[in-house]
């Protein structure tokens, strides 16, 4: 049997993060030339 659906902030946060990135990717024109410092990327 399928369990009752009980989604919380964990699911909505993950989906919102991925959806926002995809949306910005479609409209983004600026491309960063230099890589960010690795601590920022790792975090």
ModelCIF file with pLDDT and N, C-alpha, C, O atoms, coordinates in Angstrom:
data_MODEL
#
_entry.id   MODEL 
#
_entity.id                         1 
_entity.type                       polymer 
_entity.pdbx_number_of_molecules   1 
#
_entity_poly.entity_id                      1 
_entity_poly.type                           'polypeptide(L)' 
_entity_poly.nstd_linkage                   no 
_entity_poly.nstd_monomer                   no 
_entity_poly.pdbx_seq_one_letter_code       
;(UNK)(UNK)(UNK)(UNK)(UNK)(UNK)(UNK)(UNK)(UNK)(UNK)(UNK)(UNK)(UNK)(UNK)(UNK)(UNK)
(UNK)(UNK)(UNK)(UNK)(UNK)(UNK)(UNK)(UNK)(UNK)(UNK)(UNK)(UNK)(UNK)(UNK)(UNK)(UNK)
(UNK)(UNK)(UNK)(UNK)(UNK)(UNK)(UNK)(UNK)(UNK)(UNK)(UNK)
;
_entity_poly.pdbx_seq_one_letter_code_can   XXXXXXXXXXXXXXXXXXXXXXXXXXXXXXXXXXXXXXXXXXX 
_entity_poly.pdbx_strand_id                 A 
#
loop_
_entity_poly_seq.entity_id 
_entity_poly_seq.num 
_entity_poly_seq.mon_id 
_entity_poly_seq.hetero 
1 1  UNK n 
1 2  UNK n 
1 3  UNK n 
1 4  UNK n 
1 5  UNK n 
1 6  UNK n 
1 7  UNK n 
1 8  UNK n 
1 9  UNK n 
1 10 UNK n 
1 11 UNK n 
1 12 UNK n 
1 13 UNK n 
1 14 UNK n 
1 15 UNK n 
1 16 UNK n 
1 17 UNK n 
1 18 UNK n 
1 19 UNK n 
1 20 UNK n 
1 21 UNK n 
1 22 UNK n 
1 23 UNK n 
1 24 UNK n 
1 25 UNK n 
1 26 UNK n 
1 27 UNK n 
1 28 UNK n 
1 29 UNK n 
1 30 UNK n 
1 31 UNK n 
1 32 UNK n 
1 33 UNK n 
1 34 UNK n 
1 35 UNK n 
1 36 UNK n 
1 37 UNK n 
1 38 UNK n 
1 39 UNK n 
1 40 UNK n 
1 41 UNK n 
1 42 UNK n 
1 43 UNK n 
#
_struct_asym.id          A 
_struct_asym.entity_id   1 
#
loop_
_ma_qa_metric.id 
_ma_qa_metric.mode 
_ma_qa_metric.name 
_ma_qa_metric.software_group_id 
_ma_qa_metric.type 
1 global pLDDT . pLDDT 
2 local  pLDDT . pLDDT 
#
_ma_qa_metric_global.metric_id      1 
_ma_qa_metric_global.metric_value   85.02 
_ma_qa_metric_global.model_id       1 
_ma_qa_metric_global.ordinal_id     1 
#
loop_
_ma_qa_metric_local.label_asym_id 
_ma_qa_metric_local.label_comp_id 
_ma_qa_metric_local.label_seq_id 
_ma_qa_metric_local.metric_id 
_ma_qa_metric_local.metric_value 
_ma_qa_metric_local.model_id 
_ma_qa_metric_local.ordinal_id 
A UNK 1  2 47.00 1 1  
A UNK 2  2 49.00 1 2  
A UNK 3  2 50.00 1 3  
A UNK 4  2 51.00 1 4  
A UNK 5  2 57.00 1 5  
A UNK 6  2 72.00 1 6  
A UNK 7  2 74.00 1 7  
A UNK 8  2 83.00 1 8  
A UNK 9  2 81.00 1 9  
A UNK 10 2 82.00 1 10 
A UNK 11 2 87.00 1 11 
A UNK 12 2 89.00 1 12 
A UNK 13 2 89.00 1 13 
A UNK 14 2 88.00 1 14 
A UNK 15 2 88.00 1 15 
A UNK 16 2 92.00 1 16 
A UNK 17 2 92.00 1 17 
A UNK 18 2 91.00 1 18 
A UNK 19 2 92.00 1 19 
A UNK 20 2 92.00 1 20 
A UNK 21 2 92.00 1 21 
A UNK 22 2 90.00 1 22 
A UNK 23 2 91.00 1 23 
A UNK 24 2 90.00 1 24 
A UNK 25 2 89.00 1 25 
A UNK 26 2 90.00 1 26 
A UNK 27 2 93.00 1 27 
A UNK 28 2 91.00 1 28 
A UNK 29 2 93.00 1 29 
A UNK 30 2 93.00 1 30 
A UNK 31 2 94.00 1 31 
A UNK 32 2 93.00 1 32 
A UNK 33 2 91.00 1 33 
A UNK 34 2 89.00 1 34 
A UNK 35 2 89.00 1 35 
A UNK 36 2 90.00 1 36 
A UNK 37 2 91.00 1 37 
A UNK 38 2 91.00 1 38 
A UNK 39 2 94.00 1 39 
A UNK 40 2 92.00 1 40 
A UNK 41 2 93.00 1 41 
A UNK 42 2 95.00 1 42 
A UNK 43 2 96.00 1 43 
#
loop_
_atom_site.group_PDB 
_atom_site.id 
_atom_site.type_symbol 
_atom_site.label_atom_id 
_atom_site.label_alt_id 
_atom_site.label_comp_id 
_atom_site.label_asym_id 
_atom_site.label_entity_id 
_atom_site.label_seq_id 
_atom_site.pdbx_PDB_ins_code 
_atom_site.Cartn_x 
_atom_site.Cartn_y 
_atom_site.Cartn_z 
_atom_site.occupancy 
_atom_site.B_iso_or_equiv 
_atom_site.pdbx_formal_charge 
_atom_site.auth_seq_id 
_atom_site.auth_comp_id 
_atom_site.auth_asym_id 
_atom_site.auth_atom_id 
_atom_site.pdbx_PDB_model_num 
ATOM 1   N N  . UNK A 1 1  ? 0.837  -1.194 0.000   1.00 47.00 ? 1  UNK A N  1 
ATOM 2   C CA . UNK A 1 1  ? 0.000  0.000  0.000   1.00 47.00 ? 1  UNK A CA 1 
ATOM 3   C C  . UNK A 1 1  ? 0.869  1.241  0.000   1.00 47.00 ? 1  UNK A C  1 
ATOM 4   O O  . UNK A 1 1  ? 1.954  1.247  0.582   1.00 47.00 ? 1  UNK A O  1 
ATOM 5   N N  . UNK A 1 2  ? 0.392  2.299  -0.656  1.00 49.00 ? 2  UNK A N  1 
ATOM 6   C CA . UNK A 1 2  ? 1.114  3.564  -0.688  1.00 49.00 ? 2  UNK A CA 1 
ATOM 7   C C  . UNK A 1 2  ? 0.862  4.297  0.623   1.00 49.00 ? 2  UNK A C  1 
ATOM 8   O O  . UNK A 1 2  ? -0.282 4.414  1.062   1.00 49.00 ? 2  UNK A O  1 
ATOM 9   N N  . UNK A 1 3  ? 1.921  4.786  1.244   1.00 50.00 ? 3  UNK A N  1 
ATOM 10  C CA . UNK A 1 3  ? 1.788  5.488  2.498   1.00 50.00 ? 3  UNK A CA 1 
ATOM 11  C C  . UNK A 1 3  ? 1.115  6.834  2.284   1.00 50.00 ? 3  UNK A C  1 
ATOM 12  O O  . UNK A 1 3  ? 1.228  7.397  1.195   1.00 50.00 ? 3  UNK A O  1 
ATOM 13  N N  . UNK A 1 4  ? 0.430  7.363  3.264   1.00 51.00 ? 4  UNK A N  1 
ATOM 14  C CA . UNK A 1 4  ? -0.161 8.693  3.138   1.00 51.00 ? 4  UNK A CA 1 
ATOM 15  C C  . UNK A 1 4  ? 0.927  9.726  2.859   1.00 51.00 ? 4  UNK A C  1 
ATOM 16  O O  . UNK A 1 4  ? 2.019  9.657  3.422   1.00 51.00 ? 4  UNK A O  1 
ATOM 17  N N  . UNK A 1 5  ? 0.620  10.678 1.991   1.00 57.00 ? 5  UNK A N  1 
ATOM 18  C CA . UNK A 1 5  ? 1.599  11.684 1.596   1.00 57.00 ? 5  UNK A CA 1 
ATOM 19  C C  . UNK A 1 5  ? 1.736  12.734 2.695   1.00 57.00 ? 5  UNK A C  1 
ATOM 20  O O  . UNK A 1 5  ? 0.764  13.396 3.057   1.00 57.00 ? 5  UNK A O  1 
ATOM 21  N N  . UNK A 1 6  ? 2.970  12.881 3.228   1.00 72.00 ? 6  UNK A N  1 
ATOM 22  C CA . UNK A 1 6  ? 3.241  13.855 4.276   1.00 72.00 ? 6  UNK A CA 1 
ATOM 23  C C  . UNK A 1 6  ? 4.585  14.519 3.997   1.00 72.00 ? 6  UNK A C  1 
ATOM 24  O O  . UNK A 1 6  ? 5.606  14.138 4.569   1.00 72.00 ? 6  UNK A O  1 
ATOM 25  N N  . UNK A 1 7  ? 4.574  15.506 3.122   1.00 74.00 ? 7  UNK A N  1 
ATOM 26  C CA . UNK A 1 7  ? 5.801  16.201 2.779   1.00 74.00 ? 7  UNK A CA 1 
ATOM 27  C C  . UNK A 1 7  ? 5.969  17.419 3.688   1.00 74.00 ? 7  UNK A C  1 
ATOM 28  O O  . UNK A 1 7  ? 4.995  18.090 4.027   1.00 74.00 ? 7  UNK A O  1 
ATOM 29  N N  . UNK A 1 8  ? 7.210  17.695 4.075   1.00 83.00 ? 8  UNK A N  1 
ATOM 30  C CA . UNK A 1 8  ? 7.507  18.813 4.958   1.00 83.00 ? 8  UNK A CA 1 
ATOM 31  C C  . UNK A 1 8  ? 8.495  19.755 4.269   1.00 83.00 ? 8  UNK A C  1 
ATOM 32  O O  . UNK A 1 8  ? 8.721  19.674 3.062   1.00 83.00 ? 8  UNK A O  1 
ATOM 33  N N  . UNK A 1 9  ? 9.075  20.645 5.068   1.00 81.00 ? 9  UNK A N  1 
ATOM 34  C CA . UNK A 1 9  ? 10.012 21.639 4.535   1.00 81.00 ? 9  UNK A CA 1 
ATOM 35  C C  . UNK A 1 9  ? 11.204 20.985 3.868   1.00 81.00 ? 9  UNK A C  1 
ATOM 36  O O  . UNK A 1 9  ? 11.810 21.592 2.985   1.00 81.00 ? 9  UNK A O  1 
ATOM 37  N N  . UNK A 1 10 ? 11.568 19.760 4.259   1.00 82.00 ? 10 UNK A N  1 
ATOM 38  C CA . UNK A 1 10 ? 12.740 19.113 3.666   1.00 82.00 ? 10 UNK A CA 1 
ATOM 39  C C  . UNK A 1 10 ? 12.549 18.888 2.175   1.00 82.00 ? 10 UNK A C  1 
ATOM 40  O O  . UNK A 1 10 ? 13.437 19.183 1.375   1.00 82.00 ? 10 UNK A O  1 
ATOM 41  N N  . UNK A 1 11 ? 11.388 18.365 1.807   1.00 87.00 ? 11 UNK A N  1 
ATOM 42  C CA . UNK A 1 11 ? 11.117 18.134 0.390   1.00 87.00 ? 11 UNK A CA 1 
ATOM 43  C C  . UNK A 1 11 ? 10.970 19.442 -0.358  1.00 87.00 ? 11 UNK A C  1 
ATOM 44  O O  . UNK A 1 11 ? 11.533 19.609 -1.440  1.00 87.00 ? 11 UNK A O  1 
ATOM 45  N N  . UNK A 1 12 ? 10.213 20.375 0.215   1.00 89.00 ? 12 UNK A N  1 
ATOM 46  C CA . UNK A 1 12 ? 9.973  21.638 -0.488  1.00 89.00 ? 12 UNK A CA 1 
ATOM 47  C C  . UNK A 1 12 ? 11.262 22.448 -0.634  1.00 89.00 ? 12 UNK A C  1 
ATOM 48  O O  . UNK A 1 12 ? 11.439 23.137 -1.639  1.00 89.00 ? 12 UNK A O  1 
ATOM 49  N N  . UNK A 1 13 ? 12.160 22.380 0.345   1.00 89.00 ? 13 UNK A N  1 
ATOM 50  C CA . UNK A 1 13 ? 13.437 23.100 0.244   1.00 89.00 ? 13 UNK A CA 1 
ATOM 51  C C  . UNK A 1 13 ? 14.295 22.532 -0.872  1.00 89.00 ? 13 UNK A C  1 
ATOM 52  O O  . UNK A 1 13 ? 14.873 23.283 -1.659  1.00 89.00 ? 13 UNK A O  1 
ATOM 53  N N  . UNK A 1 14 ? 14.382 21.200 -0.945  1.00 88.00 ? 14 UNK A N  1 
ATOM 54  C CA . UNK A 1 14 ? 15.177 20.583 -1.990  1.00 88.00 ? 14 UNK A CA 1 
ATOM 55  C C  . UNK A 1 14 ? 14.630 20.859 -3.377  1.00 88.00 ? 14 UNK A C  1 
ATOM 56  O O  . UNK A 1 14 ? 15.384 21.175 -4.297  1.00 88.00 ? 14 UNK A O  1 
ATOM 57  N N  . UNK A 1 15 ? 13.312 20.739 -3.528  1.00 88.00 ? 15 UNK A N  1 
ATOM 58  C CA . UNK A 1 15 ? 12.691 20.988 -4.832  1.00 88.00 ? 15 UNK A CA 1 
ATOM 59  C C  . UNK A 1 15 ? 12.818 22.460 -5.212  1.00 88.00 ? 15 UNK A C  1 
ATOM 60  O O  . UNK A 1 15 ? 13.069 22.775 -6.375  1.00 88.00 ? 15 UNK A O  1 
ATOM 61  N N  . UNK A 1 16 ? 12.647 23.370 -4.242  1.00 92.00 ? 16 UNK A N  1 
ATOM 62  C CA . UNK A 1 16 ? 12.764 24.804 -4.518  1.00 92.00 ? 16 UNK A CA 1 
ATOM 63  C C  . UNK A 1 16 ? 14.183 25.170 -4.936  1.00 92.00 ? 16 UNK A C  1 
ATOM 64  O O  . UNK A 1 16 ? 14.372 25.993 -5.832  1.00 92.00 ? 16 UNK A O  1 
ATOM 65  N N  . UNK A 1 17 ? 15.181 24.566 -4.298  1.00 92.00 ? 17 UNK A N  1 
ATOM 66  C CA . UNK A 1 17 ? 16.579 24.832 -4.655  1.00 92.00 ? 17 UNK A CA 1 
ATOM 67  C C  . UNK A 1 17 ? 16.851 24.432 -6.096  1.00 92.00 ? 17 UNK A C  1 
ATOM 68  O O  . UNK A 1 17 ? 17.414 25.213 -6.863  1.00 92.00 ? 17 UNK A O  1 
ATOM 69  N N  . UNK A 1 18 ? 16.456 23.224 -6.467  1.00 91.00 ? 18 UNK A N  1 
ATOM 70  C CA . UNK A 1 18 ? 16.712 22.737 -7.823  1.00 91.00 ? 18 UNK A CA 1 
ATOM 71  C C  . UNK A 1 18 ? 15.896 23.526 -8.847  1.00 91.00 ? 18 UNK A C  1 
ATOM 72  O O  . UNK A 1 18 ? 16.415 23.880 -9.906  1.00 91.00 ? 18 UNK A O  1 
ATOM 73  N N  . UNK A 1 19 ? 14.629 23.805 -8.546  1.00 92.00 ? 19 UNK A N  1 
ATOM 74  C CA . UNK A 1 19 ? 13.785 24.553 -9.474  1.00 92.00 ? 19 UNK A CA 1 
ATOM 75  C C  . UNK A 1 19 ? 14.279 25.968 -9.696  1.00 92.00 ? 19 UNK A C  1 
ATOM 76  O O  . UNK A 1 19 ? 14.255 26.463 -10.822 1.00 92.00 ? 19 UNK A O  1 
ATOM 77  N N  . UNK A 1 20 ? 14.730 26.630 -8.625  1.00 92.00 ? 20 UNK A N  1 
ATOM 78  C CA . UNK A 1 20 ? 15.252 27.987 -8.765  1.00 92.00 ? 20 UNK A CA 1 
ATOM 79  C C  . UNK A 1 20 ? 16.506 28.018 -9.631  1.00 92.00 ? 20 UNK A C  1 
ATOM 80  O O  . UNK A 1 20 ? 16.665 28.903 -10.472 1.00 92.00 ? 20 UNK A O  1 
ATOM 81  N N  . UNK A 1 21 ? 17.390 27.055 -9.425  1.00 92.00 ? 21 UNK A N  1 
ATOM 82  C CA . UNK A 1 21 ? 18.609 26.997 -10.232 1.00 92.00 ? 21 UNK A CA 1 
ATOM 83  C C  . UNK A 1 21 ? 18.287 26.782 -11.710 1.00 92.00 ? 21 UNK A C  1 
ATOM 84  O O  . UNK A 1 21 ? 18.889 27.417 -12.576 1.00 92.00 ? 21 UNK A O  1 
ATOM 85  N N  . UNK A 1 22 ? 17.346 25.893 -11.998 1.00 90.00 ? 22 UNK A N  1 
ATOM 86  C CA . UNK A 1 22 ? 16.965 25.652 -13.391 1.00 90.00 ? 22 UNK A CA 1 
ATOM 87  C C  . UNK A 1 22 ? 16.363 26.905 -14.022 1.00 90.00 ? 22 UNK A C  1 
ATOM 88  O O  . UNK A 1 22 ? 16.640 27.213 -15.181 1.00 90.00 ? 22 UNK A O  1 
ATOM 89  N N  . UNK A 1 23 ? 15.538 27.628 -13.258 1.00 91.00 ? 23 UNK A N  1 
ATOM 90  C CA . UNK A 1 23 ? 14.912 28.841 -13.777 1.00 91.00 ? 23 UNK A CA 1 
ATOM 91  C C  . UNK A 1 23 ? 15.955 29.901 -14.085 1.00 91.00 ? 23 UNK A C  1 
ATOM 92  O O  . UNK A 1 23 ? 15.911 30.519 -15.150 1.00 91.00 ? 23 UNK A O  1 
ATOM 93  N N  . UNK A 1 24 ? 16.893 30.123 -13.172 1.00 90.00 ? 24 UNK A N  1 
ATOM 94  C CA . UNK A 1 24 ? 17.935 31.121 -13.403 1.00 90.00 ? 24 UNK A CA 1 
ATOM 95  C C  . UNK A 1 24 ? 18.850 30.713 -14.549 1.00 90.00 ? 24 UNK A C  1 
ATOM 96  O O  . UNK A 1 24 ? 19.330 31.564 -15.298 1.00 90.00 ? 24 UNK A O  1 
ATOM 97  N N  . UNK A 1 25 ? 19.093 29.410 -14.686 1.00 89.00 ? 25 UNK A N  1 
ATOM 98  C CA . UNK A 1 25 ? 19.954 28.921 -15.756 1.00 89.00 ? 25 UNK A CA 1 
ATOM 99  C C  . UNK A 1 25 ? 19.378 29.270 -17.133 1.00 89.00 ? 25 UNK A C  1 
ATOM 100 O O  . UNK A 1 25 ? 20.127 29.566 -18.064 1.00 89.00 ? 25 UNK A O  1 
ATOM 101 N N  . UNK A 1 26 ? 18.057 29.234 -17.259 1.00 90.00 ? 26 UNK A N  1 
ATOM 102 C CA . UNK A 1 26 ? 17.428 29.531 -18.545 1.00 90.00 ? 26 UNK A CA 1 
ATOM 103 C C  . UNK A 1 26 ? 17.616 30.988 -18.961 1.00 90.00 ? 26 UNK A C  1 
ATOM 104 O O  . UNK A 1 26 ? 17.719 31.283 -20.152 1.00 90.00 ? 26 UNK A O  1 
ATOM 105 N N  . UNK A 1 27 ? 17.662 31.906 -17.986 1.00 93.00 ? 27 UNK A N  1 
ATOM 106 C CA . UNK A 1 27 ? 17.711 33.334 -18.296 1.00 93.00 ? 27 UNK A CA 1 
ATOM 107 C C  . UNK A 1 27 ? 19.085 33.960 -18.070 1.00 93.00 ? 27 UNK A C  1 
ATOM 108 O O  . UNK A 1 27 ? 19.292 35.126 -18.405 1.00 93.00 ? 27 UNK A O  1 
ATOM 109 N N  . UNK A 1 28 ? 20.012 33.211 -17.513 1.00 91.00 ? 28 UNK A N  1 
ATOM 110 C CA . UNK A 1 28 ? 21.322 33.764 -17.161 1.00 91.00 ? 28 UNK A CA 1 
ATOM 111 C C  . UNK A 1 28 ? 22.156 34.035 -18.395 1.00 91.00 ? 28 UNK A C  1 
ATOM 112 O O  . UNK A 1 28 ? 22.311 33.158 -19.245 1.00 91.00 ? 28 UNK A O  1 
ATOM 113 N N  . UNK A 1 29 ? 22.708 35.267 -18.506 1.00 93.00 ? 29 UNK A N  1 
ATOM 114 C CA . UNK A 1 29 ? 23.612 35.611 -19.595 1.00 93.00 ? 29 UNK A CA 1 
ATOM 115 C C  . UNK A 1 29 ? 25.064 35.754 -19.120 1.00 93.00 ? 29 UNK A C  1 
ATOM 116 O O  . UNK A 1 29 ? 25.995 35.543 -19.898 1.00 93.00 ? 29 UNK A O  1 
ATOM 117 N N  . UNK A 1 30 ? 25.250 36.103 -17.871 1.00 93.00 ? 30 UNK A N  1 
ATOM 118 C CA . UNK A 1 30 ? 26.597 36.279 -17.351 1.00 93.00 ? 30 UNK A CA 1 
ATOM 119 C C  . UNK A 1 30 ? 27.239 34.947 -16.985 1.00 93.00 ? 30 UNK A C  1 
ATOM 120 O O  . UNK A 1 30 ? 26.607 34.091 -16.366 1.00 93.00 ? 30 UNK A O  1 
ATOM 121 N N  . UNK A 1 31 ? 28.487 34.783 -17.369 1.00 94.00 ? 31 UNK A N  1 
ATOM 122 C CA . UNK A 1 31 ? 29.245 33.569 -17.043 1.00 94.00 ? 31 UNK A CA 1 
ATOM 123 C C  . UNK A 1 31 ? 30.497 33.958 -16.260 1.00 94.00 ? 31 UNK A C  1 
ATOM 124 O O  . UNK A 1 31 ? 31.299 34.775 -16.713 1.00 94.00 ? 31 UNK A O  1 
ATOM 125 N N  . UNK A 1 32 ? 30.649 33.372 -15.103 1.00 93.00 ? 32 UNK A N  1 
ATOM 126 C CA . UNK A 1 32 ? 31.794 33.661 -14.254 1.00 93.00 ? 32 UNK A CA 1 
ATOM 127 C C  . UNK A 1 32 ? 33.064 33.129 -14.907 1.00 93.00 ? 32 UNK A C  1 
ATOM 128 O O  . UNK A 1 32 ? 33.135 31.952 -15.262 1.00 93.00 ? 32 UNK A O  1 
ATOM 129 N N  . UNK A 1 33 ? 34.065 33.991 -15.066 1.00 91.00 ? 33 UNK A N  1 
ATOM 130 C CA . UNK A 1 33 ? 35.299 33.599 -15.742 1.00 91.00 ? 33 UNK A CA 1 
ATOM 131 C C  . UNK A 1 33 ? 36.219 32.823 -14.810 1.00 91.00 ? 33 UNK A C  1 
ATOM 132 O O  . UNK A 1 33 ? 36.770 31.790 -15.192 1.00 91.00 ? 33 UNK A O  1 
ATOM 133 N N  . UNK A 1 34 ? 36.384 33.320 -13.590 1.00 89.00 ? 34 UNK A N  1 
ATOM 134 C CA . UNK A 1 34 ? 37.309 32.703 -12.647 1.00 89.00 ? 34 UNK A CA 1 
ATOM 135 C C  . UNK A 1 34 ? 36.562 31.804 -11.675 1.00 89.00 ? 34 UNK A C  1 
ATOM 136 O O  . UNK A 1 34 ? 35.447 32.136 -11.273 1.00 89.00 ? 34 UNK A O  1 
ATOM 137 N N  . UNK A 1 35 ? 37.140 30.682 -11.290 1.00 89.00 ? 35 UNK A N  1 
ATOM 138 C CA . UNK A 1 35 ? 36.475 29.810 -10.312 1.00 89.00 ? 35 UNK A CA 1 
ATOM 139 C C  . UNK A 1 35 ? 36.411 30.466 -8.945  1.00 89.00 ? 35 UNK A C  1 
ATOM 140 O O  . UNK A 1 35 ? 37.294 31.242 -8.580  1.00 89.00 ? 35 UNK A O  1 
ATOM 141 N N  . UNK A 1 36 ? 35.375 30.157 -8.195  1.00 90.00 ? 36 UNK A N  1 
ATOM 142 C CA . UNK A 1 36 ? 35.251 30.656 -6.837  1.00 90.00 ? 36 UNK A CA 1 
ATOM 143 C C  . UNK A 1 36 ? 36.259 29.960 -5.925  1.00 90.00 ? 36 UNK A C  1 
ATOM 144 O O  . UNK A 1 36 ? 36.692 28.847 -6.223  1.00 90.00 ? 36 UNK A O  1 
ATOM 145 N N  . UNK A 1 37 ? 36.636 30.599 -4.819  1.00 91.00 ? 37 UNK A N  1 
ATOM 146 C CA . UNK A 1 37 ? 37.513 29.906 -3.855  1.00 91.00 ? 37 UNK A CA 1 
ATOM 147 C C  . UNK A 1 37 ? 36.887 28.594 -3.409  1.00 91.00 ? 37 UNK A C  1 
ATOM 148 O O  . UNK A 1 37 ? 35.680 28.518 -3.182  1.00 91.00 ? 37 UNK A O  1 
ATOM 149 N N  . UNK A 1 38 ? 37.712 27.565 -3.285  1.00 91.00 ? 38 UNK A N  1 
ATOM 150 C CA . UNK A 1 38 ? 37.173 26.232 -3.022  1.00 91.00 ? 38 UNK A CA 1 
ATOM 151 C C  . UNK A 1 38 ? 36.370 26.143 -1.724  1.00 91.00 ? 38 UNK A C  1 
ATOM 152 O O  . UNK A 1 38 ? 35.442 25.336 -1.669  1.00 91.00 ? 38 UNK A O  1 
ATOM 153 N N  . UNK A 1 39 ? 36.669 26.927 -0.663  1.00 94.00 ? 39 UNK A N  1 
ATOM 154 C CA . UNK A 1 39 ? 35.808 26.812 0.533   1.00 94.00 ? 39 UNK A CA 1 
ATOM 155 C C  . UNK A 1 39 ? 34.350 27.200 0.258   1.00 94.00 ? 39 UNK A C  1 
ATOM 156 O O  . UNK A 1 39 ? 33.430 26.591 0.805   1.00 94.00 ? 39 UNK A O  1 
ATOM 157 N N  . UNK A 1 40 ? 34.140 28.228 -0.599  1.00 92.00 ? 40 UNK A N  1 
ATOM 158 C CA . UNK A 1 40 ? 32.779 28.621 -0.939  1.00 92.00 ? 40 UNK A CA 1 
ATOM 159 C C  . UNK A 1 40 ? 32.091 27.521 -1.742  1.00 92.00 ? 40 UNK A C  1 
ATOM 160 O O  . UNK A 1 40 ? 30.936 27.181 -1.488  1.00 92.00 ? 40 UNK A O  1 
ATOM 161 N N  . UNK A 1 41 ? 32.813 26.973 -2.709  1.00 93.00 ? 41 UNK A N  1 
ATOM 162 C CA . UNK A 1 41 ? 32.234 25.913 -3.534  1.00 93.00 ? 41 UNK A CA 1 
ATOM 163 C C  . UNK A 1 41 ? 31.920 24.680 -2.698  1.00 93.00 ? 41 UNK A C  1 
ATOM 164 O O  . UNK A 1 41 ? 30.869 24.061 -2.863  1.00 93.00 ? 41 UNK A O  1 
ATOM 165 N N  . UNK A 1 42 ? 32.843 24.323 -1.790  1.00 95.00 ? 42 UNK A N  1 
ATOM 166 C CA . UNK A 1 42 ? 32.634 23.146 -0.943  1.00 95.00 ? 42 UNK A CA 1 
ATOM 167 C C  . UNK A 1 42 ? 31.435 23.346 -0.020  1.00 95.00 ? 42 UNK A C  1 
ATOM 168 O O  . UNK A 1 42 ? 30.619 22.439 0.141   1.00 95.00 ? 42 UNK A O  1 
ATOM 169 N N  . UNK A 1 43 ? 31.323 24.530 0.587   1.00 96.00 ? 43 UNK A N  1 
ATOM 170 C CA . UNK A 1 43 ? 30.198 24.803 1.488   1.00 96.00 ? 43 UNK A CA 1 
ATOM 171 C C  . UNK A 1 43 ? 28.872 24.732 0.739   1.00 96.00 ? 43 UNK A C  1 
ATOM 172 O O  . UNK A 1 43 ? 27.815 24.935 1.335   1.00 96.00 ? 43 UNK A O  1 
#
